[in-house]
């Protein structure tokens, strides 16, 4: 499964999660994915999570998040495709 790391940098995999996917090392890819591949159940859990991912909830409250007056740490990438 780890044979072709370039596949994980592609737009069809993790590539869209990075501003510069070409800078993501093979070691980083393995570090990220290995825990999810330790068992079939973990792999299924990851697949189910990815299939259910929906940013419409974040988009729906974007204006309220901008007005939030509480100490808050929200981290988004400069070109985050998942949260816009």
PDB file of N, CA and C in Angstrom:
ATOM      1  N   UNK A   1       0.817  -1.200   0.000  1.00  0.00           N
ATOM      2  CA  UNK A   1       0.000   0.000   0.000  1.00  0.00           C
ATOM      3  C   UNK A   1       0.863   1.267   0.000  1.00  0.00           C
ATOM      4  N   UNK A   2       2.053   1.175   0.576  1.00  0.00           N
ATOM      5  CA  UNK A   2       2.936   2.331   0.618  1.00  0.00           C
ATOM      6  C   UNK A   2       3.889   2.379  -0.563  1.00  0.00           C
ATOM      7  N   UNK A   3       3.739   1.485  -1.511  1.00  0.00           N
ATOM      8  CA  UNK A   3       4.707   1.393  -2.594  1.00  0.00           C
ATOM      9  C   UNK A   3       4.817   2.678  -3.409  1.00  0.00           C
ATOM     10  N   UNK A   4       3.701   3.287  -3.749  1.00  0.00           N
ATOM     11  CA  UNK A   4       3.725   4.475  -4.599  1.00  0.00           C
ATOM     12  C   UNK A   4       3.293   5.703  -3.798  1.00  0.00           C
ATOM     13  N   UNK A   5       4.240   6.323  -3.143  1.00  0.00           N
ATOM     14  CA  UNK A   5       3.926   7.489  -2.298  1.00  0.00           C
ATOM     15  C   UNK A   5       3.419   8.673  -3.127  1.00  0.00           C
ATOM     16  N   UNK A   6       3.832   8.735  -4.381  1.00  0.00           N
ATOM     17  CA  UNK A   6       3.371   9.838  -5.241  1.00  0.00           C
ATOM     18  C   UNK A   6       1.850   9.828  -5.354  1.00  0.00           C
ATOM     19  N   UNK A   7       1.255   8.651  -5.289  1.00  0.00           N
ATOM     20  CA  UNK A   7      -0.197   8.545  -5.352  1.00  0.00           C
ATOM     21  C   UNK A   7      -0.862   9.327  -4.210  1.00  0.00           C
ATOM     22  N   UNK A   8      -0.253   9.293  -3.033  1.00  0.00           N
ATOM     23  CA  UNK A   8      -0.823   9.997  -1.882  1.00  0.00           C
ATOM     24  C   UNK A   8      -0.671  11.508  -1.985  1.00  0.00           C
ATOM     25  N   UNK A   9       0.209  11.962  -2.838  1.00  0.00           N
ATOM     26  CA  UNK A   9       0.389  13.404  -3.052  1.00  0.00           C
ATOM     27  C   UNK A   9      -0.544  13.926  -4.159  1.00  0.00           C
ATOM     28  N   UNK A  10      -1.240  13.032  -4.821  1.00  0.00           N
ATOM     29  CA  UNK A  10      -2.078  13.413  -5.955  1.00  0.00           C
ATOM     30  C   UNK A  10      -3.370  14.080  -5.475  1.00  0.00           C
ATOM     31  N   UNK A  11      -4.054  14.800  -6.363  1.00  0.00           N
ATOM     32  CA  UNK A  11      -5.332  15.422  -6.012  1.00  0.00           C
ATOM     33  C   UNK A  11      -6.411  14.400  -5.663  1.00  0.00           C
ATOM     34  N   UNK A  12      -6.221  13.153  -6.052  1.00  0.00           N
ATOM     35  CA  UNK A  12      -7.209  12.118  -5.740  1.00  0.00           C
ATOM     36  C   UNK A  12      -7.017  11.526  -4.349  1.00  0.00           C
ATOM     37  N   UNK A  13      -5.952  11.908  -3.672  1.00  0.00           N
ATOM     38  CA  UNK A  13      -5.684  11.368  -2.341  1.00  0.00           C
ATOM     39  C   UNK A  13      -5.449  12.524  -1.376  1.00  0.00           C
ATOM     40  N   UNK A  14      -4.277  12.593  -0.774  1.00  0.00           N
ATOM     41  CA  UNK A  14      -3.988  13.630   0.214  1.00  0.00           C
ATOM     42  C   UNK A  14      -3.458  14.922  -0.378  1.00  0.00           C
ATOM     43  N   UNK A  15      -3.163  14.926  -1.649  1.00  0.00           N
ATOM     44  CA  UNK A  15      -2.546  16.093  -2.278  1.00  0.00           C
ATOM     45  C   UNK A  15      -3.294  17.387  -2.073  1.00  0.00           C
ATOM     46  N   UNK A  16      -4.605  17.339  -2.101  1.00  0.00           N
ATOM     47  CA  UNK A  16      -5.390  18.563  -1.934  1.00  0.00           C
ATOM     48  C   UNK A  16      -5.329  19.104  -0.513  1.00  0.00           C
ATOM     49  N   UNK A  17      -4.838  18.308   0.421  1.00  0.00           N
ATOM     50  CA  UNK A  17      -4.750  18.757   1.808  1.00  0.00           C
ATOM     51  C   UNK A  17      -3.509  19.603   2.071  1.00  0.00           C
ATOM     52  N   UNK A  18      -2.625  19.680   1.088  1.00  0.00           N
ATOM     53  CA  UNK A  18      -1.360  20.384   1.270  1.00  0.00           C
ATOM     54  C   UNK A  18      -1.216  21.506   0.255  1.00  0.00           C
ATOM     55  N   UNK A  19      -0.652  22.601   0.701  1.00  0.00           N
ATOM     56  CA  UNK A  19      -0.381  23.702  -0.214  1.00  0.00           C
ATOM     57  C   UNK A  19       0.697  23.297  -1.218  1.00  0.00           C
ATOM     58  N   UNK A  20       1.686  22.545  -0.744  1.00  0.00           N
ATOM     59  CA  UNK A  20       2.771  22.066  -1.606  1.00  0.00           C
ATOM     60  C   UNK A  20       2.951  20.557  -1.397  1.00  0.00           C
ATOM     61  N   UNK A  21       2.101  19.741  -1.987  1.00  0.00           N
ATOM     62  CA  UNK A  21       2.172  18.296  -1.761  1.00  0.00           C
ATOM     63  C   UNK A  21       3.507  17.685  -2.148  1.00  0.00           C
ATOM     64  N   UNK A  22       4.214  18.318  -3.070  1.00  0.00           N
ATOM     65  CA  UNK A  22       5.519  17.792  -3.483  1.00  0.00           C
ATOM     66  C   UNK A  22       6.544  17.879  -2.350  1.00  0.00           C
ATOM     67  N   UNK A  23       6.272  18.706  -1.342  1.00  0.00           N
ATOM     68  CA  UNK A  23       7.179  18.842  -0.203  1.00  0.00           C
ATOM     69  C   UNK A  23       6.910  17.835   0.912  1.00  0.00           C
ATOM     70  N   UNK A  24       5.833  17.092   0.809  1.00  0.00           N
ATOM     71  CA  UNK A  24       5.506  16.096   1.834  1.00  0.00           C
ATOM     72  C   UNK A  24       6.400  14.874   1.617  1.00  0.00           C
ATOM     73  N   UNK A  25       7.146  14.524   2.644  1.00  0.00           N
ATOM     74  CA  UNK A  25       8.110  13.423   2.508  1.00  0.00           C
ATOM     75  C   UNK A  25       7.421  12.063   2.586  1.00  0.00           C
ATOM     76  N   UNK A  26       8.099  11.055   2.079  1.00  0.00           N
ATOM     77  CA  UNK A  26       7.605   9.686   2.192  1.00  0.00           C
ATOM     78  C   UNK A  26       7.418   9.310   3.657  1.00  0.00           C
ATOM     79  N   UNK A  27       8.337   9.745   4.495  1.00  0.00           N
ATOM     80  CA  UNK A  27       8.248   9.454   5.932  1.00  0.00           C
ATOM     81  C   UNK A  27       6.996  10.077   6.541  1.00  0.00           C
ATOM     82  N   UNK A  28       6.685  11.305   6.144  1.00  0.00           N
ATOM     83  CA  UNK A  28       5.474  11.967   6.643  1.00  0.00           C
ATOM     84  C   UNK A  28       4.222  11.189   6.239  1.00  0.00           C
ATOM     85  N   UNK A  29       4.179  10.738   5.005  1.00  0.00           N
ATOM     86  CA  UNK A  29       3.025   9.972   4.533  1.00  0.00           C
ATOM     87  C   UNK A  29       2.872   8.691   5.350  1.00  0.00           C
ATOM     88  N   UNK A  30       3.964   7.980   5.558  1.00  0.00           N
ATOM     89  CA  UNK A  30       3.904   6.743   6.333  1.00  0.00           C
ATOM     90  C   UNK A  30       3.504   7.020   7.786  1.00  0.00           C
ATOM     91  N   UNK A  31       4.040   8.088   8.369  1.00  0.00           N
ATOM     92  CA  UNK A  31       3.703   8.439   9.747  1.00  0.00           C
ATOM     93  C   UNK A  31       2.216   8.732   9.885  1.00  0.00           C
ATOM     94  N   UNK A  32       1.652   9.408   8.902  1.00  0.00           N
ATOM     95  CA  UNK A  32       0.238   9.756   8.928  1.00  0.00           C
ATOM     96  C   UNK A  32      -0.656   8.532   8.728  1.00  0.00           C
ATOM     97  N   UNK A  33      -0.311   7.685   7.779  1.00  0.00           N
ATOM     98  CA  UNK A  33      -1.199   6.585   7.415  1.00  0.00           C
ATOM     99  C   UNK A  33      -1.007   5.297   8.217  1.00  0.00           C
ATOM    100  N   UNK A  34       0.191   5.036   8.686  1.00  0.00           N
ATOM    101  CA  UNK A  34       0.474   3.753   9.334  1.00  0.00           C
ATOM    102  C   UNK A  34      -0.519   3.410  10.456  1.00  0.00           C
ATOM    103  N   UNK A  35      -0.849   4.333  11.364  1.00  0.00           N
ATOM    104  CA  UNK A  35      -1.800   3.967  12.426  1.00  0.00           C
ATOM    105  C   UNK A  35      -3.165   3.526  11.890  1.00  0.00           C
ATOM    106  N   UNK A  36      -3.544   4.066  10.747  1.00  0.00           N
ATOM    107  CA  UNK A  36      -4.843   3.722  10.167  1.00  0.00           C
ATOM    108  C   UNK A  36      -4.827   2.370   9.466  1.00  0.00           C
ATOM    109  N   UNK A  37      -3.651   1.828   9.271  1.00  0.00           N
ATOM    110  CA  UNK A  37      -3.523   0.567   8.547  1.00  0.00           C
ATOM    111  C   UNK A  37      -3.144  -0.597   9.457  1.00  0.00           C
ATOM    112  N   UNK A  38      -3.104  -0.360  10.759  1.00  0.00           N
ATOM    113  CA  UNK A  38      -2.691  -1.415  11.697  1.00  0.00           C
ATOM    114  C   UNK A  38      -3.692  -2.561  11.781  1.00  0.00           C
ATOM    115  N   UNK A  39      -4.939  -2.256  11.486  1.00  0.00           N
ATOM    116  CA  UNK A  39      -5.953  -3.314  11.499  1.00  0.00           C
ATOM    117  C   UNK A  39      -7.007  -2.985  10.450  1.00  0.00           C
ATOM    118  N   UNK A  40      -7.742  -4.011  10.050  1.00  0.00           N
ATOM    119  CA  UNK A  40      -8.813  -3.773   9.067  1.00  0.00           C
ATOM    120  C   UNK A  40      -9.866  -2.835   9.633  1.00  0.00           C
ATOM    121  N   UNK A  41     -10.136  -2.931  10.939  1.00  0.00           N
ATOM    122  CA  UNK A  41     -11.138  -2.057  11.558  1.00  0.00           C
ATOM    123  C   UNK A  41     -10.698  -0.597  11.491  1.00  0.00           C
ATOM    124  N   UNK A  42      -9.432  -0.326  11.770  1.00  0.00           N
ATOM    125  CA  UNK A  42      -8.944   1.056  11.691  1.00  0.00           C
ATOM    126  C   UNK A  42      -9.038   1.583  10.268  1.00  0.00           C
ATOM    127  N   UNK A  43      -8.716   0.749   9.303  1.00  0.00           N
ATOM    128  CA  UNK A  43      -8.811   1.168   7.905  1.00  0.00           C
ATOM    129  C   UNK A  43     -10.258   1.467   7.541  1.00  0.00           C
ATOM    130  N   UNK A  44     -11.179   0.622   7.971  1.00  0.00           N
ATOM    131  CA  UNK A  44     -12.611   0.867   7.706  1.00  0.00           C
ATOM    132  C   UNK A  44     -13.078   2.145   8.396  1.00  0.00           C
ATOM    133  N   UNK A  45     -12.609   2.363   9.627  1.00  0.00           N
ATOM    134  CA  UNK A  45     -12.986   3.586  10.345  1.00  0.00           C
ATOM    135  C   UNK A  45     -12.527   4.830   9.589  1.00  0.00           C
ATOM    136  N   UNK A  46     -11.297   4.802   9.078  1.00  0.00           N
ATOM    137  CA  UNK A  46     -10.788   5.932   8.298  1.00  0.00           C
ATOM    138  C   UNK A  46     -11.605   6.121   7.027  1.00  0.00           C
ATOM    139  N   UNK A  47     -11.901   5.037   6.338  1.00  0.00           N
ATOM    140  CA  UNK A  47     -12.693   5.123   5.111  1.00  0.00           C
ATOM    141  C   UNK A  47     -14.074   5.706   5.406  1.00  0.00           C
ATOM    142  N   UNK A  48     -14.682   5.282   6.509  1.00  0.00           N
ATOM    143  CA  UNK A  48     -16.011   5.785   6.877  1.00  0.00           C
ATOM    144  C   UNK A  48     -15.943   7.273   7.221  1.00  0.00           C
ATOM    145  N   UNK A  49     -14.894   7.673   7.942  1.00  0.00           N
ATOM    146  CA  UNK A  49     -14.718   9.089   8.282  1.00  0.00           C
ATOM    147  C   UNK A  49     -14.582   9.939   7.027  1.00  0.00           C
ATOM    148  N   UNK A  50     -13.732   9.505   6.102  1.00  0.00           N
ATOM    149  CA  UNK A  50     -13.512  10.271   4.875  1.00  0.00           C
ATOM    150  C   UNK A  50     -14.771  10.350   4.026  1.00  0.00           C
ATOM    151  N   UNK A  51     -15.519   9.259   3.972  1.00  0.00           N
ATOM    152  CA  UNK A  51     -16.750   9.240   3.179  1.00  0.00           C
ATOM    153  C   UNK A  51     -17.805  10.174   3.768  1.00  0.00           C
ATOM    154  N   UNK A  52     -17.777  10.348   5.089  1.00  0.00           N
ATOM    155  CA  UNK A  52     -18.791  11.170   5.752  1.00  0.00           C
ATOM    156  C   UNK A  52     -18.374  12.628   5.884  1.00  0.00           C
ATOM    157  N   UNK A  53     -17.148  12.955   5.490  1.00  0.00           N
ATOM    158  CA  UNK A  53     -16.662  14.317   5.683  1.00  0.00           C
ATOM    159  C   UNK A  53     -17.537  15.308   4.928  1.00  0.00           C
ATOM    160  N   UNK A  54     -17.949  16.336   5.641  1.00  0.00           N
ATOM    161  CA  UNK A  54     -18.844  17.331   5.059  1.00  0.00           C
ATOM    162  C   UNK A  54     -18.545  18.674   5.725  1.00  0.00           C
ATOM    163  N   UNK A  55     -18.042  19.618   4.961  1.00  0.00           N
ATOM    164  CA  UNK A  55     -17.703  20.919   5.546  1.00  0.00           C
ATOM    165  C   UNK A  55     -18.868  21.898   5.537  1.00  0.00           C
ATOM    166  N   UNK A  56     -20.050  21.444   5.157  1.00  0.00           N
ATOM    167  CA  UNK A  56     -21.193  22.361   5.079  1.00  0.00           C
ATOM    168  C   UNK A  56     -21.545  22.949   6.440  1.00  0.00           C
ATOM    169  N   UNK A  57     -21.276  22.208   7.521  1.00  0.00           N
ATOM    170  CA  UNK A  57     -21.568  22.726   8.862  1.00  0.00           C
ATOM    171  C   UNK A  57     -20.657  23.902   9.201  1.00  0.00           C
ATOM    172  N   UNK A  58     -19.391  23.793   8.852  1.00  0.00           N
ATOM    173  CA  UNK A  58     -18.452  24.886   9.103  1.00  0.00           C
ATOM    174  C   UNK A  58     -18.806  26.091   8.247  1.00  0.00           C
ATOM    175  N   UNK A  59     -19.139  25.852   7.002  1.00  0.00           N
ATOM    176  CA  UNK A  59     -19.510  26.945   6.101  1.00  0.00           C
ATOM    177  C   UNK A  59     -20.759  27.647   6.615  1.00  0.00           C
ATOM    178  N   UNK A  60     -21.701  26.878   7.132  1.00  0.00           N
ATOM    179  CA  UNK A  60     -22.964  27.449   7.605  1.00  0.00           C
ATOM    180  C   UNK A  60     -22.766  28.413   8.780  1.00  0.00           C
ATOM    181  N   UNK A  61     -21.736  28.195   9.589  1.00  0.00           N
ATOM    182  CA  UNK A  61     -21.513  29.065  10.755  1.00  0.00           C
ATOM    183  C   UNK A  61     -20.310  29.984  10.591  1.00  0.00           C
ATOM    184  N   UNK A  62     -19.808  30.105   9.381  1.00  0.00           N
ATOM    185  CA  UNK A  62     -18.612  30.923   9.154  1.00  0.00           C
ATOM    186  C   UNK A  62     -18.778  32.347   9.683  1.00  0.00           C
ATOM    187  N   UNK A  63     -19.883  32.972   9.403  1.00  0.00           N
ATOM    188  CA  UNK A  63     -20.055  34.364   9.850  1.00  0.00           C
ATOM    189  C   UNK A  63     -20.063  34.452  11.374  1.00  0.00           C
ATOM    190  N   UNK A  64     -20.640  33.463  12.047  1.00  0.00           N
ATOM    191  CA  UNK A  64     -20.631  33.470  13.510  1.00  0.00           C
ATOM    192  C   UNK A  64     -19.228  33.216  14.059  1.00  0.00           C
ATOM    193  N   UNK A  65     -18.470  32.359  13.396  1.00  0.00           N
ATOM    194  CA  UNK A  65     -17.100  32.109  13.827  1.00  0.00           C
ATOM    195  C   UNK A  65     -16.262  33.385  13.735  1.00  0.00           C
ATOM    196  N   UNK A  66     -16.505  34.176  12.707  1.00  0.00           N
ATOM    197  CA  UNK A  66     -15.754  35.427  12.546  1.00  0.00           C
ATOM    198  C   UNK A  66     -16.050  36.416  13.663  1.00  0.00           C
ATOM    199  N   UNK A  67     -17.227  36.312  14.284  1.00  0.00           N
ATOM    200  CA  UNK A  67     -17.627  37.224  15.359  1.00  0.00           C
ATOM    201  C   UNK A  67     -17.290  36.686  16.750  1.00  0.00           C
ATOM    202  N   UNK A  68     -16.775  35.514  16.840  1.00  0.00           N
ATOM    203  CA  UNK A  68     -16.496  34.867  18.120  1.00  0.00           C
ATOM    204  C   UNK A  68     -15.581  35.738  18.979  1.00  0.00           C
ATOM    205  N   UNK A  69     -16.003  36.005  20.204  1.00  0.00           N
ATOM    206  CA  UNK A  69     -15.264  36.889  21.111  1.00  0.00           C
ATOM    207  C   UNK A  69     -14.638  36.132  22.280  1.00  0.00           C
ATOM    208  N   UNK A  70     -14.384  34.865  22.123  1.00  0.00           N
ATOM    209  CA  UNK A  70     -13.767  34.050  23.175  1.00  0.00           C
ATOM    210  C   UNK A  70     -12.354  33.676  22.747  1.00  0.00           C
ATOM    211  N   UNK A  71     -11.455  33.456  23.712  1.00  0.00           N
ATOM    212  CA  UNK A  71     -10.115  32.986  23.341  1.00  0.00           C
ATOM    213  C   UNK A  71     -10.243  31.667  22.571  1.00  0.00           C
ATOM    214  N   UNK A  72      -9.767  31.678  21.352  1.00  0.00           N
ATOM    215  CA  UNK A  72      -9.975  30.533  20.468  1.00  0.00           C
ATOM    216  C   UNK A  72      -8.757  30.332  19.591  1.00  0.00           C
ATOM    217  N   UNK A  73      -8.417  29.082  19.390  1.00  0.00           N
ATOM    218  CA  UNK A  73      -7.349  28.761  18.457  1.00  0.00           C
ATOM    219  C   UNK A  73      -7.948  27.900  17.357  1.00  0.00           C
ATOM    220  N   UNK A  74      -7.989  28.442  16.174  1.00  0.00           N
ATOM    221  CA  UNK A  74      -8.474  27.704  15.010  1.00  0.00           C
ATOM    222  C   UNK A  74      -7.352  27.730  13.985  1.00  0.00           C
ATOM    223  N   UNK A  75      -6.952  26.566  13.539  1.00  0.00           N
ATOM    224  CA  UNK A  75      -5.839  26.477  12.610  1.00  0.00           C
ATOM    225  C   UNK A  75      -6.351  25.941  11.278  1.00  0.00           C
ATOM    226  N   UNK A  76      -6.192  26.739  10.243  1.00  0.00           N
ATOM    227  CA  UNK A  76      -6.501  26.315   8.891  1.00  0.00           C
ATOM    228  C   UNK A  76      -5.303  26.605   8.016  1.00  0.00           C
ATOM    229  N   UNK A  77      -5.149  25.799   7.030  1.00  0.00           N
ATOM    230  CA  UNK A  77      -4.075  26.037   6.067  1.00  0.00           C
ATOM    231  C   UNK A  77      -4.441  27.234   5.205  1.00  0.00           C
ATOM    232  N   UNK A  78      -3.453  27.776   4.522  1.00  0.00           N
ATOM    233  CA  UNK A  78      -3.692  28.959   3.704  1.00  0.00           C
ATOM    234  C   UNK A  78      -4.634  28.680   2.535  1.00  0.00           C
ATOM    235  N   UNK A  79      -4.718  27.461   2.095  1.00  0.00           N
ATOM    236  CA  UNK A  79      -5.601  27.113   0.978  1.00  0.00           C
ATOM    237  C   UNK A  79      -6.367  25.833   1.325  1.00  0.00           C
ATOM    238  N   UNK A  80      -7.000  25.809   2.484  1.00  0.00           N
ATOM    239  CA  UNK A  80      -7.671  24.629   3.015  1.00  0.00           C
ATOM    240  C   UNK A  80      -8.912  24.276   2.196  1.00  0.00           C
ATOM    241  N   UNK A  81      -8.877  23.137   1.528  1.00  0.00           N
ATOM    242  CA  UNK A  81     -10.013  22.730   0.705  1.00  0.00           C
ATOM    243  C   UNK A  81     -11.112  22.074   1.522  1.00  0.00           C
ATOM    244  N   UNK A  82     -10.808  21.710   2.752  1.00  0.00           N
ATOM    245  CA  UNK A  82     -11.794  21.007   3.577  1.00  0.00           C
ATOM    246  C   UNK A  82     -12.657  21.938   4.398  1.00  0.00           C
ATOM    247  N   UNK A  83     -12.195  23.121   4.677  1.00  0.00           N
ATOM    248  CA  UNK A  83     -12.935  23.997   5.586  1.00  0.00           C
ATOM    249  C   UNK A  83     -13.470  25.253   4.929  1.00  0.00           C
ATOM    250  N   UNK A  84     -13.354  25.379   3.647  1.00  0.00           N
ATOM    251  CA  UNK A  84     -13.899  26.586   3.028  1.00  0.00           C
ATOM    252  C   UNK A  84     -15.229  26.304   2.396  1.00  0.00           C
TER     253      UNK A  84
END
